[in-house]
Amino acid sequence: MDAFDPSAYGPAFAALLADPPLSPLDSGRPDAARQPFLAALACDDVFLPRRVANRDMAGACRAGLWLLFDFLDESHALSQELHNSEGAYWHALMHRRENDFSNSKYWFRRVGVHPVYAPLQAVSRDLAGDAPDSSAQFLGTNAAWNPFAFVDLCEASLAGRSPCEALCRRVQQCEWQFLFDYCYRRAVHQDCATS
């Protein structure tokens, strides 16, 4: 995936994603100004000019958008309805943000090896060049993405045992972007090659 381009997802999503937040590692505070726009996502018209071809993937997009704006309960409710790897992935991200790290790992085990892991590892390797601590060294040296080690790094950063919070937030943002793009393309059966 090249640079994240909100306009690639149609006008409704582009409006929401025009200035995406750099989400905190914790639950954050729901962005009340975005709530009406997020509630409108229940209608398939938000995917226009494209047509929804895969309802589960459309639901996965919705779960991701609620999570992006710190509505963890709404994201959780949507991801629980999805019985696929993407639902498990959004579920894992939500629990990581909720700081329920063992539950996040449970859901990552249900994800298995996901196609976004390869590009996520590549971008994390680049970002790890700025790692302020050896606890994040795995980001630059692992051959494959390790979601469990990243959960541990987020936990250590939040507990003050690692000075890597800013790095974790940037990696988390890339992870969100890769997963959202993956789900969106499958929701509308757009070119599904992972880039």
N, C-alpha and C. Protein backbone atom coordinates (compact mmCIF):
# COMPACT_ATOMS: atom_id res chain seq x y z
N MET A 1 0.85 -1.18 0.00
CA MET A 1 0.00 0.00 0.00
C MET A 1 0.89 1.23 0.00
N ASP A 2 0.59 2.16 -0.86
CA ASP A 2 1.32 3.42 -0.88
C ASP A 2 0.82 4.26 0.29
N ALA A 3 1.14 5.53 0.30
CA ALA A 3 0.67 6.42 1.36
C ALA A 3 -0.85 6.33 1.48
N PHE A 4 -1.33 6.33 2.70
CA PHE A 4 -2.77 6.20 2.95
C PHE A 4 -3.49 7.39 2.34
N ASP A 5 -4.45 7.11 1.46
CA ASP A 5 -5.17 8.14 0.72
C ASP A 5 -6.66 8.03 1.03
N PRO A 6 -7.18 8.89 1.91
CA PRO A 6 -8.61 8.81 2.28
C PRO A 6 -9.55 8.91 1.09
N SER A 7 -9.16 9.59 0.03
CA SER A 7 -10.06 9.74 -1.12
C SER A 7 -10.25 8.42 -1.87
N ALA A 8 -9.42 7.43 -1.60
CA ALA A 8 -9.54 6.14 -2.28
C ALA A 8 -10.76 5.34 -1.82
N TYR A 9 -11.42 5.80 -0.75
CA TYR A 9 -12.51 5.03 -0.16
C TYR A 9 -13.88 5.66 -0.37
N GLY A 10 -13.99 6.58 -1.29
CA GLY A 10 -15.27 7.21 -1.58
C GLY A 10 -15.51 8.42 -0.69
N PRO A 11 -16.46 9.26 -1.08
CA PRO A 11 -16.66 10.55 -0.40
C PRO A 11 -17.03 10.45 1.09
N ALA A 12 -17.88 9.51 1.46
CA ALA A 12 -18.30 9.43 2.87
C ALA A 12 -17.12 9.08 3.77
N PHE A 13 -16.34 8.09 3.36
CA PHE A 13 -15.18 7.70 4.17
C PHE A 13 -14.09 8.77 4.09
N ALA A 14 -13.92 9.36 2.93
CA ALA A 14 -12.90 10.39 2.78
C ALA A 14 -13.14 11.55 3.74
N ALA A 15 -14.40 11.91 3.92
CA ALA A 15 -14.72 13.00 4.85
C ALA A 15 -14.31 12.64 6.28
N LEU A 16 -14.56 11.40 6.68
CA LEU A 16 -14.17 10.96 8.03
C LEU A 16 -12.67 10.83 8.18
N LEU A 17 -12.00 10.43 7.12
CA LEU A 17 -10.58 10.11 7.20
C LEU A 17 -9.67 11.25 6.75
N ALA A 18 -10.24 12.39 6.42
CA ALA A 18 -9.45 13.50 5.91
C ALA A 18 -8.36 13.92 6.89
N ASP A 19 -8.65 13.89 8.16
CA ASP A 19 -7.68 14.27 9.19
C ASP A 19 -7.73 13.23 10.30
N PRO A 20 -7.23 12.01 10.01
CA PRO A 20 -7.36 10.93 10.99
C PRO A 20 -6.51 11.19 12.23
N PRO A 21 -7.04 10.82 13.38
CA PRO A 21 -6.26 11.02 14.61
C PRO A 21 -5.13 9.99 14.71
N LEU A 22 -4.12 10.34 15.44
CA LEU A 22 -3.10 9.38 15.84
C LEU A 22 -3.58 8.83 17.17
N SER A 23 -4.23 7.69 17.09
CA SER A 23 -4.92 7.13 18.26
C SER A 23 -3.95 6.85 19.40
N PRO A 24 -4.44 7.04 20.62
CA PRO A 24 -3.62 6.69 21.78
C PRO A 24 -3.51 5.18 21.91
N LEU A 25 -2.63 4.71 22.76
CA LEU A 25 -2.51 3.28 23.01
C LEU A 25 -3.58 2.80 23.98
N ASP A 26 -4.19 3.73 24.68
CA ASP A 26 -5.26 3.35 25.61
C ASP A 26 -6.61 3.62 24.96
N SER A 27 -7.66 3.62 25.75
CA SER A 27 -9.01 3.75 25.18
C SER A 27 -9.32 5.14 24.64
N GLY A 28 -8.57 6.12 25.04
CA GLY A 28 -8.81 7.47 24.54
C GLY A 28 -10.14 8.02 25.01
N ARG A 29 -10.60 9.04 24.30
CA ARG A 29 -11.88 9.67 24.61
C ARG A 29 -12.68 9.75 23.32
N PRO A 30 -13.88 9.15 23.30
CA PRO A 30 -14.68 9.19 22.06
C PRO A 30 -14.84 10.60 21.50
N ASP A 31 -14.70 10.72 20.20
CA ASP A 31 -14.83 12.00 19.51
C ASP A 31 -16.31 12.24 19.21
N ALA A 32 -16.98 12.92 20.13
CA ALA A 32 -18.43 13.12 20.04
C ALA A 32 -18.85 13.80 18.74
N ALA A 33 -18.00 14.66 18.20
CA ALA A 33 -18.35 15.36 16.96
C ALA A 33 -18.46 14.39 15.78
N ARG A 34 -17.77 13.27 15.86
CA ARG A 34 -17.79 12.29 14.77
C ARG A 34 -18.93 11.27 14.91
N GLN A 35 -19.55 11.21 16.08
CA GLN A 35 -20.55 10.17 16.33
C GLN A 35 -21.69 10.14 15.31
N PRO A 36 -22.27 11.28 14.92
CA PRO A 36 -23.35 11.22 13.92
C PRO A 36 -22.88 10.65 12.58
N PHE A 37 -21.65 10.97 12.19
CA PHE A 37 -21.11 10.46 10.93
C PHE A 37 -20.87 8.96 11.03
N LEU A 38 -20.38 8.52 12.17
CA LEU A 38 -20.13 7.09 12.38
C LEU A 38 -21.44 6.32 12.42
N ALA A 39 -22.45 6.89 13.04
CA ALA A 39 -23.76 6.22 13.10
C ALA A 39 -24.35 6.04 11.70
N ALA A 40 -24.07 6.98 10.81
CA ALA A 40 -24.58 6.90 9.44
C ALA A 40 -23.91 5.79 8.64
N LEU A 41 -22.85 5.21 9.16
CA LEU A 41 -22.14 4.15 8.44
C LEU A 41 -22.96 2.88 8.31
N ALA A 42 -24.03 2.76 9.07
CA ALA A 42 -24.85 1.54 9.02
C ALA A 42 -25.48 1.34 7.65
N CYS A 43 -25.61 2.39 6.89
CA CYS A 43 -26.21 2.33 5.55
C CYS A 43 -25.12 2.00 4.52
N ASP A 44 -25.43 1.08 3.61
CA ASP A 44 -24.45 0.70 2.58
C ASP A 44 -24.15 1.84 1.61
N ASP A 45 -24.98 2.88 1.61
CA ASP A 45 -24.73 4.02 0.72
C ASP A 45 -23.40 4.71 1.01
N VAL A 46 -22.85 4.51 2.21
CA VAL A 46 -21.57 5.17 2.52
C VAL A 46 -20.43 4.61 1.67
N PHE A 47 -20.65 3.47 1.04
CA PHE A 47 -19.63 2.89 0.18
C PHE A 47 -19.70 3.42 -1.25
N LEU A 48 -20.74 4.23 -1.55
CA LEU A 48 -20.86 4.78 -2.91
C LEU A 48 -19.64 5.61 -3.25
N PRO A 49 -19.20 5.57 -4.47
CA PRO A 49 -19.88 5.08 -5.66
C PRO A 49 -19.75 3.57 -5.88
N ARG A 50 -19.12 2.88 -4.96
CA ARG A 50 -19.01 1.43 -5.10
C ARG A 50 -20.16 0.74 -4.40
N ARG A 51 -20.36 -0.52 -4.77
CA ARG A 51 -21.44 -1.32 -4.20
C ARG A 51 -20.82 -2.32 -3.22
N VAL A 52 -21.48 -2.51 -2.08
CA VAL A 52 -21.02 -3.50 -1.11
C VAL A 52 -21.25 -4.89 -1.69
N ALA A 53 -20.18 -5.65 -1.78
CA ALA A 53 -20.26 -7.01 -2.30
C ALA A 53 -20.01 -8.05 -1.20
N ASN A 54 -19.45 -7.59 -0.08
CA ASN A 54 -19.16 -8.51 1.03
C ASN A 54 -19.56 -7.80 2.33
N ARG A 55 -20.69 -8.18 2.88
CA ARG A 55 -21.23 -7.51 4.07
C ARG A 55 -20.33 -7.67 5.30
N ASP A 56 -19.69 -8.83 5.43
CA ASP A 56 -18.78 -9.00 6.58
C ASP A 56 -17.62 -8.01 6.51
N MET A 57 -17.08 -7.82 5.32
CA MET A 57 -15.97 -6.87 5.18
C MET A 57 -16.44 -5.43 5.37
N ALA A 58 -17.68 -5.14 4.95
CA ALA A 58 -18.24 -3.81 5.21
C ALA A 58 -18.38 -3.60 6.72
N GLY A 59 -18.82 -4.63 7.42
CA GLY A 59 -18.91 -4.56 8.89
C GLY A 59 -17.55 -4.38 9.52
N ALA A 60 -16.54 -5.01 8.95
CA ALA A 60 -15.18 -4.86 9.46
C ALA A 60 -14.70 -3.41 9.30
N CYS A 61 -15.03 -2.79 8.18
CA CYS A 61 -14.69 -1.38 7.97
C CYS A 61 -15.35 -0.52 9.04
N ARG A 62 -16.61 -0.80 9.31
CA ARG A 62 -17.34 -0.02 10.32
C ARG A 62 -16.71 -0.19 11.70
N ALA A 63 -16.34 -1.43 12.05
CA ALA A 63 -15.70 -1.68 13.35
C ALA A 63 -14.41 -0.87 13.46
N GLY A 64 -13.65 -0.84 12.38
CA GLY A 64 -12.41 -0.09 12.38
C GLY A 64 -12.61 1.41 12.53
N LEU A 65 -13.63 1.94 11.87
CA LEU A 65 -13.87 3.38 11.97
C LEU A 65 -14.33 3.79 13.36
N TRP A 66 -15.19 3.00 13.97
CA TRP A 66 -15.59 3.32 15.35
C TRP A 66 -14.37 3.30 16.26
N LEU A 67 -13.48 2.33 16.05
CA LEU A 67 -12.28 2.23 16.87
C LEU A 67 -11.36 3.43 16.67
N LEU A 68 -11.22 3.86 15.43
CA LEU A 68 -10.35 4.99 15.11
C LEU A 68 -10.70 6.23 15.92
N PHE A 69 -12.00 6.43 16.13
CA PHE A 69 -12.44 7.62 16.84
C PHE A 69 -12.78 7.34 18.31
N ASP A 70 -12.20 6.26 18.84
CA ASP A 70 -12.22 5.93 20.26
C ASP A 70 -13.58 5.49 20.81
N PHE A 71 -14.44 4.98 19.96
CA PHE A 71 -15.71 4.40 20.40
C PHE A 71 -15.50 2.89 20.52
N LEU A 72 -14.85 2.49 21.60
CA LEU A 72 -14.46 1.09 21.74
C LEU A 72 -15.66 0.16 21.89
N ASP A 73 -16.68 0.58 22.61
CA ASP A 73 -17.86 -0.28 22.79
C ASP A 73 -18.55 -0.57 21.45
N GLU A 74 -18.71 0.46 20.64
CA GLU A 74 -19.36 0.29 19.34
C GLU A 74 -18.51 -0.59 18.42
N SER A 75 -17.21 -0.37 18.44
CA SER A 75 -16.32 -1.20 17.64
C SER A 75 -16.38 -2.65 18.10
N HIS A 76 -16.38 -2.84 19.39
CA HIS A 76 -16.44 -4.18 19.97
C HIS A 76 -17.71 -4.90 19.54
N ALA A 77 -18.85 -4.22 19.62
CA ALA A 77 -20.13 -4.85 19.24
C ALA A 77 -20.10 -5.29 17.78
N LEU A 78 -19.53 -4.48 16.91
CA LEU A 78 -19.46 -4.84 15.49
C LEU A 78 -18.48 -5.98 15.23
N SER A 79 -17.31 -5.92 15.85
CA SER A 79 -16.33 -6.97 15.59
C SER A 79 -16.79 -8.31 16.14
N GLN A 80 -17.58 -8.30 17.21
CA GLN A 80 -18.10 -9.55 17.76
C GLN A 80 -19.06 -10.25 16.80
N GLU A 81 -19.69 -9.48 15.93
CA GLU A 81 -20.63 -10.06 14.97
C GLU A 81 -19.94 -10.70 13.77
N LEU A 82 -18.64 -10.50 13.65
CA LEU A 82 -17.89 -10.99 12.50
C LEU A 82 -17.14 -12.25 12.89
N HIS A 83 -17.41 -13.32 12.18
CA HIS A 83 -16.79 -14.61 12.50
C HIS A 83 -15.75 -14.96 11.44
N ASN A 84 -14.77 -14.06 11.33
CA ASN A 84 -13.69 -14.26 10.37
C ASN A 84 -12.42 -13.64 10.95
N SER A 85 -11.33 -13.76 10.22
CA SER A 85 -10.05 -13.23 10.70
C SER A 85 -10.08 -11.73 10.92
N GLU A 86 -10.79 -11.03 10.05
CA GLU A 86 -10.83 -9.57 10.17
C GLU A 86 -11.61 -9.14 11.42
N GLY A 87 -12.71 -9.84 11.72
CA GLY A 87 -13.44 -9.55 12.95
C GLY A 87 -12.58 -9.80 14.16
N ALA A 88 -11.82 -10.91 14.13
CA ALA A 88 -10.91 -11.22 15.23
C ALA A 88 -9.82 -10.16 15.34
N TYR A 89 -9.34 -9.67 14.19
CA TYR A 89 -8.28 -8.67 14.19
C TYR A 89 -8.77 -7.36 14.82
N TRP A 90 -9.93 -6.86 14.37
CA TRP A 90 -10.46 -5.62 14.96
C TRP A 90 -10.74 -5.83 16.44
N HIS A 91 -11.21 -7.03 16.79
CA HIS A 91 -11.47 -7.37 18.19
C HIS A 91 -10.17 -7.29 18.99
N ALA A 92 -9.09 -7.85 18.45
CA ALA A 92 -7.79 -7.82 19.11
C ALA A 92 -7.29 -6.39 19.29
N LEU A 93 -7.46 -5.56 18.26
CA LEU A 93 -7.01 -4.16 18.36
C LEU A 93 -7.81 -3.41 19.42
N MET A 94 -9.12 -3.66 19.45
CA MET A 94 -9.95 -2.98 20.44
C MET A 94 -9.50 -3.36 21.86
N HIS A 95 -9.27 -4.65 22.11
CA HIS A 95 -8.85 -5.07 23.45
C HIS A 95 -7.46 -4.56 23.80
N ARG A 96 -6.58 -4.44 22.79
CA ARG A 96 -5.27 -3.86 23.07
C ARG A 96 -5.42 -2.41 23.50
N ARG A 97 -6.29 -1.67 22.82
CA ARG A 97 -6.55 -0.27 23.19
C ARG A 97 -7.24 -0.18 24.54
N GLU A 98 -8.02 -1.17 24.88
CA GLU A 98 -8.74 -1.21 26.16
C GLU A 98 -7.77 -1.58 27.30
N ASN A 99 -6.56 -1.97 26.93
CA ASN A 99 -5.52 -2.42 27.84
C ASN A 99 -5.87 -3.75 28.50
N ASP A 100 -6.63 -4.56 27.79
CA ASP A 100 -6.91 -5.94 28.19
C ASP A 100 -5.99 -6.80 27.32
N PHE A 101 -4.71 -6.82 27.70
CA PHE A 101 -3.67 -7.37 26.82
C PHE A 101 -3.79 -8.87 26.62
N SER A 102 -4.17 -9.61 27.65
CA SER A 102 -4.30 -11.06 27.47
C SER A 102 -5.47 -11.37 26.54
N ASN A 103 -6.55 -10.62 26.62
CA ASN A 103 -7.69 -10.81 25.73
C ASN A 103 -7.31 -10.43 24.30
N SER A 104 -6.49 -9.40 24.15
CA SER A 104 -6.01 -9.02 22.82
C SER A 104 -5.23 -10.17 22.20
N LYS A 105 -4.37 -10.78 22.98
CA LYS A 105 -3.58 -11.91 22.47
C LYS A 105 -4.47 -13.10 22.12
N TYR A 106 -5.52 -13.31 22.91
CA TYR A 106 -6.48 -14.38 22.59
C TYR A 106 -7.04 -14.17 21.18
N TRP A 107 -7.45 -12.94 20.90
CA TRP A 107 -8.04 -12.65 19.59
C TRP A 107 -6.99 -12.68 18.49
N PHE A 108 -5.76 -12.30 18.78
CA PHE A 108 -4.71 -12.42 17.78
C PHE A 108 -4.44 -13.89 17.44
N ARG A 109 -4.56 -14.78 18.42
CA ARG A 109 -4.41 -16.21 18.10
C ARG A 109 -5.50 -16.65 17.13
N ARG A 110 -6.68 -16.07 17.23
CA ARG A 110 -7.78 -16.41 16.32
C ARG A 110 -7.58 -15.80 14.93
N VAL A 111 -6.80 -14.74 14.85
CA VAL A 111 -6.51 -14.12 13.55
C VAL A 111 -5.67 -15.06 12.70
N GLY A 112 -4.69 -15.71 13.31
CA GLY A 112 -3.74 -16.50 12.54
C GLY A 112 -2.74 -15.57 11.87
N VAL A 113 -2.18 -16.00 10.76
CA VAL A 113 -1.25 -15.15 10.01
C VAL A 113 -2.07 -14.39 8.98
N HIS A 114 -2.13 -13.09 9.15
CA HIS A 114 -2.98 -12.25 8.29
C HIS A 114 -2.16 -11.61 7.17
N PRO A 115 -2.77 -11.41 6.00
CA PRO A 115 -2.05 -10.79 4.88
C PRO A 115 -1.49 -9.39 5.16
N VAL A 116 -2.04 -8.66 6.12
CA VAL A 116 -1.48 -7.32 6.39
C VAL A 116 -0.20 -7.40 7.22
N TYR A 117 0.12 -8.57 7.76
CA TYR A 117 1.32 -8.69 8.59
C TYR A 117 2.60 -8.37 7.81
N ALA A 118 2.69 -8.83 6.58
CA ALA A 118 3.93 -8.61 5.80
C ALA A 118 4.18 -7.12 5.56
N PRO A 119 3.20 -6.37 5.04
CA PRO A 119 3.49 -4.94 4.86
C PRO A 119 3.64 -4.20 6.18
N LEU A 120 2.95 -4.68 7.22
CA LEU A 120 3.09 -4.04 8.53
C LEU A 120 4.50 -4.24 9.08
N GLN A 121 5.06 -5.44 8.91
CA GLN A 121 6.43 -5.68 9.36
C GLN A 121 7.41 -4.80 8.60
N ALA A 122 7.18 -4.65 7.30
CA ALA A 122 8.09 -3.82 6.49
C ALA A 122 8.08 -2.37 6.95
N VAL A 123 6.90 -1.81 7.17
CA VAL A 123 6.84 -0.40 7.60
C VAL A 123 7.33 -0.26 9.03
N SER A 124 7.08 -1.26 9.87
CA SER A 124 7.56 -1.21 11.26
C SER A 124 9.08 -1.24 11.31
N ARG A 125 9.67 -2.00 10.41
CA ARG A 125 11.13 -2.05 10.33
C ARG A 125 11.68 -0.66 10.06
N ASP A 126 11.03 0.06 9.15
CA ASP A 126 11.47 1.43 8.84
C ASP A 126 11.28 2.36 10.04
N LEU A 127 10.14 2.25 10.69
CA LEU A 127 9.85 3.10 11.84
C LEU A 127 10.77 2.79 13.02
N ALA A 128 11.19 1.55 13.15
CA ALA A 128 12.01 1.14 14.29
C ALA A 128 13.39 1.77 14.26
N GLY A 129 13.77 2.34 13.14
CA GLY A 129 15.04 3.06 13.08
C GLY A 129 15.08 4.19 14.09
N ASP A 130 13.90 4.65 14.51
CA ASP A 130 13.79 5.72 15.50
C ASP A 130 13.55 5.18 16.91
N ALA A 131 13.65 3.86 17.08
CA ALA A 131 13.32 3.25 18.37
C ALA A 131 14.20 3.82 19.48
N PRO A 132 13.58 4.36 20.52
CA PRO A 132 14.36 4.95 21.61
C PRO A 132 14.83 3.93 22.64
N ASP A 133 14.54 2.65 22.42
CA ASP A 133 14.82 1.66 23.46
C ASP A 133 15.00 0.28 22.84
N SER A 134 15.79 -0.56 23.46
CA SER A 134 16.02 -1.91 22.95
C SER A 134 14.77 -2.79 23.01
N SER A 135 13.77 -2.39 23.82
CA SER A 135 12.55 -3.20 23.91
C SER A 135 11.78 -3.23 22.59
N ALA A 136 12.07 -2.28 21.70
CA ALA A 136 11.41 -2.24 20.40
C ALA A 136 12.30 -2.78 19.29
N GLN A 137 13.45 -3.31 19.65
CA GLN A 137 14.40 -3.78 18.65
C GLN A 137 13.81 -4.84 17.72
N PHE A 138 12.89 -5.68 18.24
CA PHE A 138 12.29 -6.73 17.42
C PHE A 138 11.58 -6.17 16.19
N LEU A 139 11.11 -4.93 16.27
CA LEU A 139 10.42 -4.34 15.12
C LEU A 139 11.35 -4.24 13.92
N GLY A 140 12.61 -4.00 14.16
CA GLY A 140 13.55 -3.85 13.08
C GLY A 140 14.27 -5.13 12.69
N THR A 141 14.17 -6.15 13.52
CA THR A 141 14.96 -7.36 13.25
C THR A 141 14.12 -8.58 12.91
N ASN A 142 12.86 -8.63 13.33
CA ASN A 142 12.04 -9.81 13.04
C ASN A 142 11.78 -9.93 11.55
N ALA A 143 11.78 -11.16 11.07
CA ALA A 143 11.49 -11.41 9.65
C ALA A 143 9.99 -11.37 9.39
N ALA A 144 9.19 -11.62 10.42
CA ALA A 144 7.73 -11.63 10.28
C ALA A 144 7.11 -10.83 11.42
N TRP A 145 5.94 -10.30 11.17
CA TRP A 145 5.23 -9.52 12.17
C TRP A 145 4.84 -10.42 13.34
N ASN A 146 5.06 -9.92 14.54
CA ASN A 146 4.73 -10.65 15.76
C ASN A 146 3.73 -9.81 16.56
N PRO A 147 2.42 -10.08 16.39
CA PRO A 147 1.43 -9.25 17.08
C PRO A 147 1.52 -9.37 18.60
N PHE A 148 1.98 -10.51 19.09
CA PHE A 148 2.07 -10.72 20.54
C PHE A 148 3.19 -9.87 21.15
N ALA A 149 4.32 -9.80 20.46
CA ALA A 149 5.41 -8.95 20.93
C ALA A 149 5.01 -7.48 20.87
N PHE A 150 4.21 -7.10 19.86
CA PHE A 150 3.77 -5.71 19.79
C PHE A 150 2.79 -5.40 20.91
N VAL A 151 1.90 -6.33 21.25
CA VAL A 151 1.00 -6.13 22.40
C VAL A 151 1.85 -5.90 23.65
N ASP A 152 2.89 -6.71 23.83
CA ASP A 152 3.76 -6.56 25.00
C ASP A 152 4.45 -5.20 25.01
N LEU A 153 4.89 -4.74 23.84
CA LEU A 153 5.55 -3.44 23.76
C LEU A 153 4.57 -2.31 24.11
N CYS A 154 3.34 -2.41 23.62
CA CYS A 154 2.33 -1.40 23.96
C CYS A 154 2.07 -1.39 25.46
N GLU A 155 1.97 -2.58 26.04
CA GLU A 155 1.74 -2.68 27.49
C GLU A 155 2.91 -2.06 28.26
N ALA A 156 4.14 -2.39 27.87
CA ALA A 156 5.32 -1.85 28.54
C ALA A 156 5.38 -0.33 28.39
N SER A 157 5.02 0.17 27.24
CA SER A 157 5.04 1.62 27.01
C SER A 157 4.03 2.33 27.89
N LEU A 158 2.84 1.77 27.98
CA LEU A 158 1.81 2.39 28.82
C LEU A 158 2.16 2.32 30.31
N ALA A 159 2.87 1.27 30.71
CA ALA A 159 3.25 1.11 32.12
C ALA A 159 4.52 1.88 32.46
N GLY A 160 5.12 2.54 31.47
CA GLY A 160 6.33 3.31 31.72
C GLY A 160 7.60 2.47 31.77
N ARG A 161 7.52 1.22 31.34
CA ARG A 161 8.70 0.34 31.33
C ARG A 161 9.47 0.47 30.02
N SER A 162 8.91 1.15 29.04
CA SER A 162 9.56 1.36 27.76
C SER A 162 9.19 2.76 27.26
N PRO A 163 10.17 3.51 26.74
CA PRO A 163 9.89 4.86 26.26
C PRO A 163 9.44 4.88 24.79
N CYS A 164 8.65 3.89 24.40
CA CYS A 164 8.32 3.73 22.98
C CYS A 164 6.87 4.08 22.63
N GLU A 165 6.21 4.86 23.45
CA GLU A 165 4.80 5.14 23.18
C GLU A 165 4.59 5.80 21.83
N ALA A 166 5.39 6.78 21.49
CA ALA A 166 5.22 7.48 20.21
C ALA A 166 5.43 6.51 19.04
N LEU A 167 6.44 5.67 19.14
CA LEU A 167 6.68 4.67 18.10
C LEU A 167 5.51 3.70 18.00
N CYS A 168 5.03 3.23 19.13
CA CYS A 168 3.88 2.30 19.13
C CYS A 168 2.66 2.93 18.48
N ARG A 169 2.44 4.20 18.75
CA ARG A 169 1.28 4.88 18.17
C ARG A 169 1.41 4.98 16.65
N ARG A 170 2.62 5.23 16.15
CA ARG A 170 2.82 5.31 14.70
C ARG A 170 2.63 3.93 14.05
N VAL A 171 3.16 2.89 14.69
CA VAL A 171 2.98 1.54 14.16
C VAL A 171 1.50 1.17 14.20
N GLN A 172 0.83 1.50 15.30
CA GLN A 172 -0.60 1.22 15.44
C GLN A 172 -1.40 1.91 14.34
N GLN A 173 -1.02 3.14 14.00
CA GLN A 173 -1.72 3.86 12.93
C GLN A 173 -1.53 3.14 11.59
N CYS A 174 -0.31 2.71 11.31
CA CYS A 174 -0.07 1.97 10.06
C CYS A 174 -0.85 0.67 10.05
N GLU A 175 -0.91 -0.01 11.18
CA GLU A 175 -1.66 -1.25 11.29
C GLU A 175 -3.13 -1.01 10.97
N TRP A 176 -3.69 0.06 11.55
CA TRP A 176 -5.09 0.41 11.30
C TRP A 176 -5.29 0.66 9.80
N GLN A 177 -4.40 1.44 9.20
CA GLN A 177 -4.54 1.78 7.79
C GLN A 177 -4.46 0.54 6.89
N PHE A 178 -3.53 -0.34 7.16
CA PHE A 178 -3.41 -1.57 6.36
C PHE A 178 -4.66 -2.43 6.49
N LEU A 179 -5.14 -2.58 7.72
CA LEU A 179 -6.30 -3.45 7.93
C LEU A 179 -7.56 -2.82 7.35
N PHE A 180 -7.73 -1.52 7.51
CA PHE A 180 -8.90 -0.86 6.93
C PHE A 180 -8.88 -1.01 5.41
N ASP A 181 -7.75 -0.74 4.81
CA ASP A 181 -7.63 -0.85 3.35
C ASP A 181 -7.95 -2.28 2.89
N TYR A 182 -7.41 -3.26 3.59
CA TYR A 182 -7.66 -4.66 3.26
C TYR A 182 -9.16 -4.97 3.31
N CYS A 183 -9.81 -4.54 4.38
CA CYS A 183 -11.25 -4.81 4.54
C CYS A 183 -12.08 -4.07 3.51
N TYR A 184 -11.73 -2.80 3.27
CA TYR A 184 -12.50 -2.01 2.30
C TYR A 184 -12.43 -2.64 0.90
N ARG A 185 -11.25 -3.01 0.48
CA ARG A 185 -11.10 -3.58 -0.87
C ARG A 185 -11.92 -4.87 -1.01
N ARG A 186 -11.99 -5.64 0.03
CA ARG A 186 -12.79 -6.87 -0.03
C ARG A 186 -14.27 -6.58 0.11
N ALA A 187 -14.61 -5.52 0.80
CA ALA A 187 -16.03 -5.15 0.93
C ALA A 187 -16.62 -4.79 -0.43
N VAL A 188 -15.82 -4.15 -1.26
CA VAL A 188 -16.31 -3.69 -2.56
C VAL A 188 -15.72 -4.51 -3.72
N HIS A 189 -15.01 -5.57 -3.39
CA HIS A 189 -14.34 -6.45 -4.36
C HIS A 189 -13.47 -5.66 -5.32
N GLN A 190 -12.77 -4.68 -4.76
CA GLN A 190 -11.80 -3.91 -5.52
C GLN A 190 -10.54 -4.76 -5.61
N ASP A 191 -9.59 -4.36 -6.41
CA ASP A 191 -8.31 -5.09 -6.54
C ASP A 191 -7.85 -5.52 -5.16
N CYS A 192 -7.79 -6.82 -4.95
CA CYS A 192 -7.52 -7.37 -3.62
C CYS A 192 -6.07 -7.79 -3.42
N ALA A 193 -5.19 -7.41 -4.30
CA ALA A 193 -3.78 -7.76 -4.09
C ALA A 193 -3.25 -6.97 -2.91
N THR A 194 -2.61 -7.63 -1.98
CA THR A 194 -2.01 -6.94 -0.83
C THR A 194 -0.74 -6.28 -1.33
N SER A 195 -0.64 -4.99 -1.07
CA SER A 195 0.55 -4.27 -1.52
C SER A 195 1.35 -3.80 -0.34
